Amino acid sequence: MKKLSLLGLGLGLLAGFAVTAGTAAAQSTLEQIKARGHLRCQVGIPSPGFYMLDQNGNWSGSDVSICRAVATAVFGDPSKVEFQSVTSAVRFTALANGESDMLSRTATWTLFRDTQLGLKFANINFYDGQGFMVKKSLGLKSTKELKGATVCVLTGTTTELNMTDYSRTLGLDLKPIVFEDNNVRDQTYDQGGCDAVTNDKSGLASTRAKFANPNDHVILPETISKEPLGPAVRNGDDQWFQIVRWSVFALIAAEEYGVNSKNVDQMKASPPNPEVARFLGVEGELSKGLGLEKDWAYNIIKHVGNYGEVYEKYMGEGPGAIGIPRAGSQNALWTEGGLMYAPPFR
């Protein structure tokens, strides 16, 4: 199912909450999704790398792949998703009130969000940090040269708070120009409506990639924050939380095991070790605690690929990707000096 749903501020909030409250008592999230026939997964406004929408209404991207992985775990079919394109200002409300089953849209895991919004972050699928981008023609080499600058920034994000904190700490007197739509923000910056734009550095790379002349823009070297990005679900359904969590872990573990979309059938037919046999559902009963079929992880890798395949296709240096090198970064596997790590499948 390739469907675009645009959620506006306050759209169906009271009605959605009432329906959710009534059905949640009778059905688990997994049961509701199965009865509906598809997953409702929230992504952002179309942006290169993370969530891209083509002219035929087909979604792709690294965060889209998380949605597809979860749908595949449940249905064995990566197309069983209704993608909901939501602005940053209403994303958490739309999830908390039941309009979405999960979100996968460059959301930073923070204490406040994890404890006061009725949400639960499943894990981290991208380690990031905030930076600033300016036009190369300005000749700037550091964010410390931005004193008194106007900066385009999305409202309702940790980005806005981080910028304010950074400006106060260094006495930069940065002047925010806030937007709800990242496309309007980027267009305003590109047309000279502000001196700089700030976002997670991966987001800046995504923004630069869509400009007519990407090389006219430079991302300044300083990283001013930690931004662990990952999918989130509503509080109150541990089974659904675990399904989303272990679907992401499956992508990471598969890469570590050397299992990918091209060799997964061979690996299932002849597992190289007991852990891979359990992972692919050949042995054991690991799926029982999730309420899924034994081959749920096999299906994810078969249809979506492993973490490395997804990264290279959308975020890395493959054709059409936004060009963020993975080697030596925090997003490399733990065996290669990074932080990407999945608990054992046993």
Protein backbone atom coordinates (compact mmCIF):
# COMPACT_ATOMS: atom_id res chain seq x y z
CA MET A 1 0.00 0.00 0.00
CA LYS A 2 1.59 3.22 -1.16
CA LYS A 3 -0.46 5.92 0.48
CA LEU A 4 0.31 9.47 1.57
CA SER A 5 -1.52 10.91 4.56
CA LEU A 6 -0.91 14.54 5.48
CA LEU A 7 -1.73 15.26 9.11
CA GLY A 8 -2.37 18.87 10.11
CA LEU A 9 -2.27 20.44 13.55
CA GLY A 10 -5.21 19.23 15.58
CA LEU A 11 -6.51 16.92 12.83
CA GLY A 12 -8.82 14.47 14.48
CA LEU A 13 -7.07 14.74 17.83
CA LEU A 14 -10.12 14.40 20.06
CA ALA A 15 -11.84 11.87 17.85
CA GLY A 16 -8.64 9.89 17.38
CA PHE A 17 -7.98 9.84 21.10
CA ALA A 18 -11.48 8.63 21.88
CA VAL A 19 -11.32 5.85 19.29
CA THR A 20 -7.86 4.79 20.41
CA ALA A 21 -8.85 4.74 24.06
CA GLY A 22 -11.84 2.57 23.26
CA THR A 23 -10.07 0.06 21.03
CA ALA A 24 -6.82 -0.14 22.98
CA ALA A 25 -8.62 -1.78 25.90
CA ALA A 26 -9.99 -4.48 23.58
CA GLN A 27 -7.10 -4.98 21.17
CA SER A 28 -3.32 -4.79 21.28
CA THR A 29 -1.54 -2.58 18.75
CA LEU A 30 -0.48 -5.66 16.80
CA GLU A 31 -4.07 -6.92 16.67
CA GLN A 32 -5.32 -3.52 15.49
CA ILE A 33 -2.70 -3.40 12.73
CA LYS A 34 -3.49 -6.92 11.56
CA ALA A 35 -7.23 -6.18 11.53
CA ARG A 36 -6.62 -2.97 9.58
CA GLY A 37 -4.36 -4.75 7.10
CA HIS A 38 -1.48 -2.28 7.19
CA LEU A 39 0.90 -0.34 9.43
CA ARG A 40 0.44 3.42 9.88
CA CYS A 41 3.97 4.78 10.01
CA GLN A 42 4.78 8.44 10.42
CA VAL A 43 7.61 10.00 8.41
CA GLY A 44 8.59 13.60 7.77
CA ILE A 45 8.09 16.05 4.94
CA PRO A 46 9.86 14.53 1.89
CA SER A 47 13.63 14.99 2.18
CA PRO A 48 16.60 13.32 0.40
CA GLY A 49 18.10 10.33 2.19
CA PHE A 50 15.54 9.86 4.95
CA TYR A 51 12.09 9.92 3.36
CA MET A 52 11.68 10.55 -0.35
CA LEU A 53 8.45 10.57 -2.34
CA ASP A 54 8.56 10.06 -6.09
CA GLN A 55 6.05 11.33 -8.64
CA ASN A 56 4.19 8.00 -8.52
CA GLY A 57 3.58 8.25 -4.78
CA ASN A 58 6.23 5.70 -3.80
CA TRP A 59 8.19 6.30 -0.59
CA SER A 60 11.84 5.38 -0.06
CA GLY A 61 14.69 6.33 2.27
CA SER A 62 16.51 5.19 5.39
CA ASP A 63 13.71 6.02 7.83
CA VAL A 64 11.12 4.71 5.38
CA SER A 65 13.06 1.43 5.42
CA ILE A 66 12.46 1.16 9.17
CA CYS A 67 8.72 1.41 8.53
CA ARG A 68 8.98 -1.23 5.82
CA ALA A 69 11.02 -3.50 8.09
CA VAL A 70 8.32 -3.41 10.77
CA ALA A 71 5.56 -3.98 8.22
CA THR A 72 7.51 -6.93 6.86
CA ALA A 73 7.95 -8.37 10.37
CA VAL A 74 4.18 -8.28 10.84
CA PHE A 75 2.86 -9.11 7.35
CA GLY A 76 5.83 -10.51 5.44
CA ASP A 77 5.18 -7.67 2.97
CA PRO A 78 7.05 -4.32 2.94
CA SER A 79 4.23 -2.62 1.02
CA LYS A 80 1.71 -2.96 3.86
CA VAL A 81 2.33 0.60 5.09
CA GLU A 82 0.34 3.81 5.11
CA PHE A 83 2.99 6.53 5.22
CA GLN A 84 1.88 9.63 7.10
CA SER A 85 3.87 12.74 6.24
CA VAL A 86 3.76 14.96 9.32
CA THR A 87 5.39 18.25 10.30
CA SER A 88 7.76 18.38 13.27
CA ALA A 89 5.31 20.56 15.21
CA VAL A 90 2.61 17.84 15.45
CA ARG A 91 4.53 14.57 15.09
CA PHE A 92 4.47 13.53 18.76
CA THR A 93 0.83 14.51 19.27
CA ALA A 94 -0.20 12.47 16.22
CA LEU A 95 1.60 9.43 17.62
CA ALA A 96 0.41 9.81 21.22
CA ASN A 97 -3.26 10.16 20.28
CA GLY A 98 -3.28 7.05 18.09
CA GLU A 99 -3.27 8.50 14.58
CA SER A 100 0.06 6.71 13.95
CA ASP A 101 1.27 3.28 15.09
CA MET A 102 4.89 4.42 15.15
CA LEU A 103 7.13 7.19 13.90
CA SER A 104 10.39 6.87 12.01
CA ARG A 105 11.41 10.41 11.07
CA THR A 106 14.75 11.70 12.36
CA ALA A 107 13.41 12.19 15.90
CA THR A 108 15.98 12.77 18.65
CA TRP A 109 15.70 10.57 21.74
CA THR A 110 15.69 12.88 24.78
CA LEU A 111 14.73 12.58 28.45
CA PHE A 112 11.75 14.92 28.08
CA ARG A 113 10.35 13.14 25.06
CA ASP A 114 10.89 9.72 26.58
CA THR A 115 9.20 10.53 29.89
CA GLN A 116 6.64 13.30 29.39
CA LEU A 117 5.01 12.84 26.00
CA GLY A 118 3.52 9.37 26.40
CA LEU A 119 6.10 7.94 24.00
CA LYS A 120 8.82 5.31 24.10
CA PHE A 121 11.90 5.33 21.86
CA ALA A 122 12.73 1.84 20.65
CA ASN A 123 16.41 2.24 19.78
CA ILE A 124 18.84 4.34 17.74
CA ASN A 125 19.13 3.89 13.99
CA PHE A 126 21.34 6.91 13.30
CA TYR A 127 23.85 8.78 15.48
CA ASP A 128 23.91 12.43 14.54
CA GLY A 129 24.81 15.89 15.80
CA GLN A 130 23.69 19.43 15.05
CA GLY A 131 25.61 21.81 12.86
CA PHE A 132 25.27 24.89 10.66
CA MET A 133 25.39 25.36 6.90
CA VAL A 134 26.24 28.59 5.09
CA LYS A 135 26.89 29.71 1.55
CA LYS A 136 30.49 29.13 0.57
CA SER A 137 30.66 32.67 -0.76
CA LEU A 138 30.55 34.02 2.81
CA GLY A 139 34.00 32.58 3.40
CA LEU A 140 33.19 31.41 6.95
CA LYS A 141 35.27 28.63 8.52
CA SER A 142 33.62 28.29 11.94
CA THR A 143 30.27 28.74 13.67
CA LYS A 144 32.03 31.17 15.99
CA GLU A 145 32.10 33.61 13.06
CA LEU A 146 28.29 33.69 12.93
CA LYS A 147 27.90 36.40 15.59
CA GLY A 148 24.64 38.31 15.06
CA ALA A 149 23.61 36.08 12.15
CA THR A 150 20.05 35.16 11.24
CA VAL A 151 19.52 31.39 11.24
CA CYS A 152 16.70 29.42 9.64
CA VAL A 153 15.47 26.65 11.96
CA LEU A 154 12.47 24.34 12.35
CA THR A 155 10.17 25.04 15.28
CA GLY A 156 9.09 22.29 17.67
CA THR A 157 12.51 20.60 17.50
CA THR A 158 15.52 20.11 19.75
CA THR A 159 17.40 22.00 17.03
CA GLU A 160 15.83 25.30 18.04
CA LEU A 161 16.67 24.81 21.73
CA ASN A 162 20.23 23.66 20.98
CA MET A 163 20.86 26.73 18.83
CA THR A 164 19.57 29.04 21.55
CA ASP A 165 21.71 27.35 24.21
CA TYR A 166 24.80 27.44 21.98
CA SER A 167 24.26 31.12 21.14
CA ARG A 168 23.87 32.07 24.79
CA THR A 169 26.91 30.06 25.88
CA LEU A 170 29.21 31.67 23.30
CA GLY A 171 27.52 35.09 23.23
CA LEU A 172 26.81 34.84 19.51
CA ASP A 173 23.44 36.62 19.56
CA LEU A 174 22.08 34.32 16.85
CA LYS A 175 18.64 35.39 15.60
CA PRO A 176 16.33 32.46 14.81
CA ILE A 177 13.87 32.60 11.91
CA VAL A 178 11.49 29.71 12.58
CA PHE A 179 9.51 27.51 10.19
CA GLU A 180 7.15 24.54 10.47
CA ASP A 181 7.98 23.20 6.99
CA ASN A 182 11.54 22.17 6.20
CA ASN A 183 11.06 22.87 2.48
CA VAL A 184 10.05 26.47 3.19
CA ARG A 185 13.00 26.78 5.59
CA ASP A 186 15.42 25.51 2.96
CA GLN A 187 14.00 27.68 0.19
CA THR A 188 14.21 30.76 2.43
CA TYR A 189 17.85 30.02 3.24
CA ASP A 190 18.74 29.31 -0.39
CA GLN A 191 17.18 32.61 -1.51
CA GLY A 192 19.12 34.60 1.08
CA GLY A 193 16.37 35.01 3.68
CA CYS A 194 18.79 34.04 6.45
CA ASP A 195 22.56 33.86 6.83
CA ALA A 196 22.68 30.20 7.86
CA VAL A 197 20.51 27.15 8.38
CA THR A 198 20.88 24.77 11.32
CA ASN A 199 19.83 21.13 11.63
CA ASP A 200 21.29 17.73 12.36
CA LYS A 201 24.31 17.35 10.10
CA SER A 202 22.68 14.49 8.20
CA GLY A 203 19.70 16.77 7.61
CA LEU A 204 22.00 19.50 6.32
CA ALA A 205 23.59 17.02 3.92
CA SER A 206 20.09 16.08 2.78
CA THR A 207 19.18 19.75 2.27
CA ARG A 208 22.37 20.47 0.35
CA ALA A 209 21.79 17.48 -1.92
CA LYS A 210 18.51 18.89 -3.22
CA PHE A 211 19.87 22.35 -4.09
CA ALA A 212 20.59 23.19 -7.74
CA ASN A 213 24.25 23.88 -6.86
CA PRO A 214 25.16 21.77 -3.79
CA ASN A 215 28.82 22.77 -3.92
CA ASP A 216 27.87 26.40 -3.26
CA HIS A 217 27.11 25.47 0.36
CA VAL A 218 29.40 24.34 3.16
CA ILE A 219 28.61 22.59 6.45
CA LEU A 220 30.74 24.19 9.15
CA PRO A 221 32.95 21.80 11.16
CA GLU A 222 31.54 22.23 14.68
CA THR A 223 29.04 19.70 16.04
CA ILE A 224 27.13 21.37 18.85
CA SER A 225 25.01 18.51 20.20
CA LYS A 226 24.35 14.80 20.44
CA GLU A 227 21.36 13.72 18.34
CA PRO A 228 20.56 10.01 18.68
CA LEU A 229 17.79 9.42 16.14
CA GLY A 230 15.37 6.54 16.28
CA PRO A 231 11.82 5.24 15.94
CA ALA A 232 9.24 5.68 18.69
CA VAL A 233 5.89 4.19 19.72
CA ARG A 234 3.19 5.06 22.24
CA ASN A 235 3.54 3.99 25.83
CA GLY A 236 1.40 1.17 27.11
CA ASP A 237 2.02 -1.74 24.73
CA ASP A 238 5.26 -3.56 25.50
CA GLN A 239 4.72 -6.20 22.81
CA TRP A 240 4.49 -3.56 20.06
CA PHE A 241 7.51 -1.72 21.49
CA GLN A 242 9.52 -4.95 21.32
CA ILE A 243 8.42 -5.67 17.73
CA VAL A 244 9.62 -2.26 16.55
CA ARG A 245 12.79 -2.49 18.64
CA TRP A 246 13.81 -5.94 17.42
CA SER A 247 12.94 -5.16 13.81
CA VAL A 248 15.65 -2.47 13.91
CA PHE A 249 18.00 -4.81 15.76
CA ALA A 250 17.42 -7.39 13.02
CA LEU A 251 18.76 -4.98 10.38
CA ILE A 252 21.90 -4.37 12.45
CA ALA A 253 22.45 -7.99 13.49
CA ALA A 254 22.11 -9.23 9.92
CA GLU A 255 24.97 -7.02 8.79
CA GLU A 256 27.12 -8.28 11.65
CA TYR A 257 26.28 -11.91 10.75
CA GLY A 258 27.10 -11.28 7.08
CA VAL A 259 23.47 -11.87 6.05
CA ASN A 260 22.12 -9.64 3.30
CA SER A 261 19.26 -9.53 0.82
CA LYS A 262 21.30 -11.39 -1.79
CA ASN A 263 22.50 -14.32 0.32
CA VAL A 264 19.69 -14.68 2.87
CA ASP A 265 18.12 -17.67 1.10
CA GLN A 266 21.44 -19.48 1.06
CA MET A 267 22.04 -18.60 4.71
CA LYS A 268 18.61 -19.92 5.67
CA ALA A 269 19.15 -23.15 3.75
CA SER A 270 22.57 -23.67 5.33
CA PRO A 271 23.12 -21.47 8.42
CA PRO A 272 26.82 -20.96 9.24
CA ASN A 273 26.22 -21.16 13.01
CA PRO A 274 23.41 -21.68 15.56
CA GLU A 275 22.84 -17.95 16.15
CA VAL A 276 22.17 -17.30 12.46
CA ALA A 277 19.88 -20.36 12.45
CA ARG A 278 17.89 -18.86 15.33
CA PHE A 279 17.94 -15.43 13.72
CA LEU A 280 16.43 -16.73 10.47
CA GLY A 281 13.85 -18.90 12.24
CA VAL A 282 15.39 -22.23 11.26
CA GLU A 283 15.85 -23.23 14.90
CA GLY A 284 14.34 -22.22 18.22
CA GLU A 285 11.22 -20.28 19.19
CA LEU A 286 12.51 -16.70 19.44
CA SER A 287 9.50 -15.32 17.58
CA LYS A 288 7.06 -16.54 20.22
CA GLY A 289 7.66 -13.64 22.60
CA LEU A 290 6.99 -11.14 19.80
CA GLY A 291 3.83 -12.80 18.53
CA LEU A 292 5.30 -13.06 15.01
CA GLU A 293 5.98 -15.84 12.52
CA LYS A 294 9.25 -17.73 12.86
CA ASP A 295 10.65 -16.23 9.64
CA TRP A 296 9.98 -12.57 10.56
CA ALA A 297 13.67 -11.60 10.55
CA TYR A 298 14.33 -13.56 7.36
CA ASN A 299 11.51 -11.64 5.68
CA ILE A 300 12.95 -8.29 6.78
CA ILE A 301 16.36 -9.02 5.29
CA LYS A 302 14.89 -10.59 2.16
CA HIS A 303 12.69 -7.59 1.37
CA VAL A 304 14.45 -4.62 2.99
CA GLY A 305 18.11 -5.64 3.33
CA ASN A 306 20.45 -5.27 6.29
CA TYR A 307 21.48 -2.02 7.97
CA GLY A 308 24.56 -1.62 5.78
CA GLU A 309 22.57 -2.09 2.58
CA VAL A 310 20.01 0.50 3.66
CA TYR A 311 22.69 2.98 4.75
CA GLU A 312 24.69 2.74 1.53
CA LYS A 313 21.58 3.04 -0.64
CA TYR A 314 20.22 6.19 0.97
CA MET A 315 22.75 7.81 3.31
CA GLY A 316 26.15 6.68 2.08
CA GLU A 317 27.98 7.08 -1.18
CA GLY A 318 25.91 4.90 -3.47
CA PRO A 319 24.04 6.24 -6.54
CA GLY A 320 21.38 8.70 -5.37
CA ALA A 321 22.54 8.68 -1.73
CA ILE A 322 23.30 11.91 0.14
CA GLY A 323 27.00 11.18 0.62
CA ILE A 324 27.60 10.75 4.36
CA PRO A 325 30.61 8.41 4.75
CA ARG A 326 30.00 5.62 7.26
CA ALA A 327 33.52 4.30 7.74
CA GLY A 328 35.01 5.53 11.00
CA SER A 329 31.73 7.13 12.09
CA GLN A 330 29.50 6.31 15.04
CA ASN A 331 27.13 4.64 12.58
CA ALA A 332 29.63 1.93 11.72
CA LEU A 333 29.22 -1.49 13.33
CA TRP A 334 30.77 -1.91 16.77
CA THR A 335 33.20 -4.39 15.18
CA GLU A 336 34.44 -1.55 12.96
CA GLY A 337 34.84 1.14 15.61
CA GLY A 338 31.27 2.45 15.56
CA LEU A 339 28.33 2.29 17.94
CA MET A 340 25.89 0.16 15.93
CA TYR A 341 25.23 -2.89 18.07
CA ALA A 342 22.38 -5.38 18.41
CA PRO A 343 21.86 -7.67 21.42
CA PRO A 344 22.31 -11.39 20.69
CA PHE A 345 19.53 -13.40 19.06
CA ARG A 346 19.40 -16.17 21.62
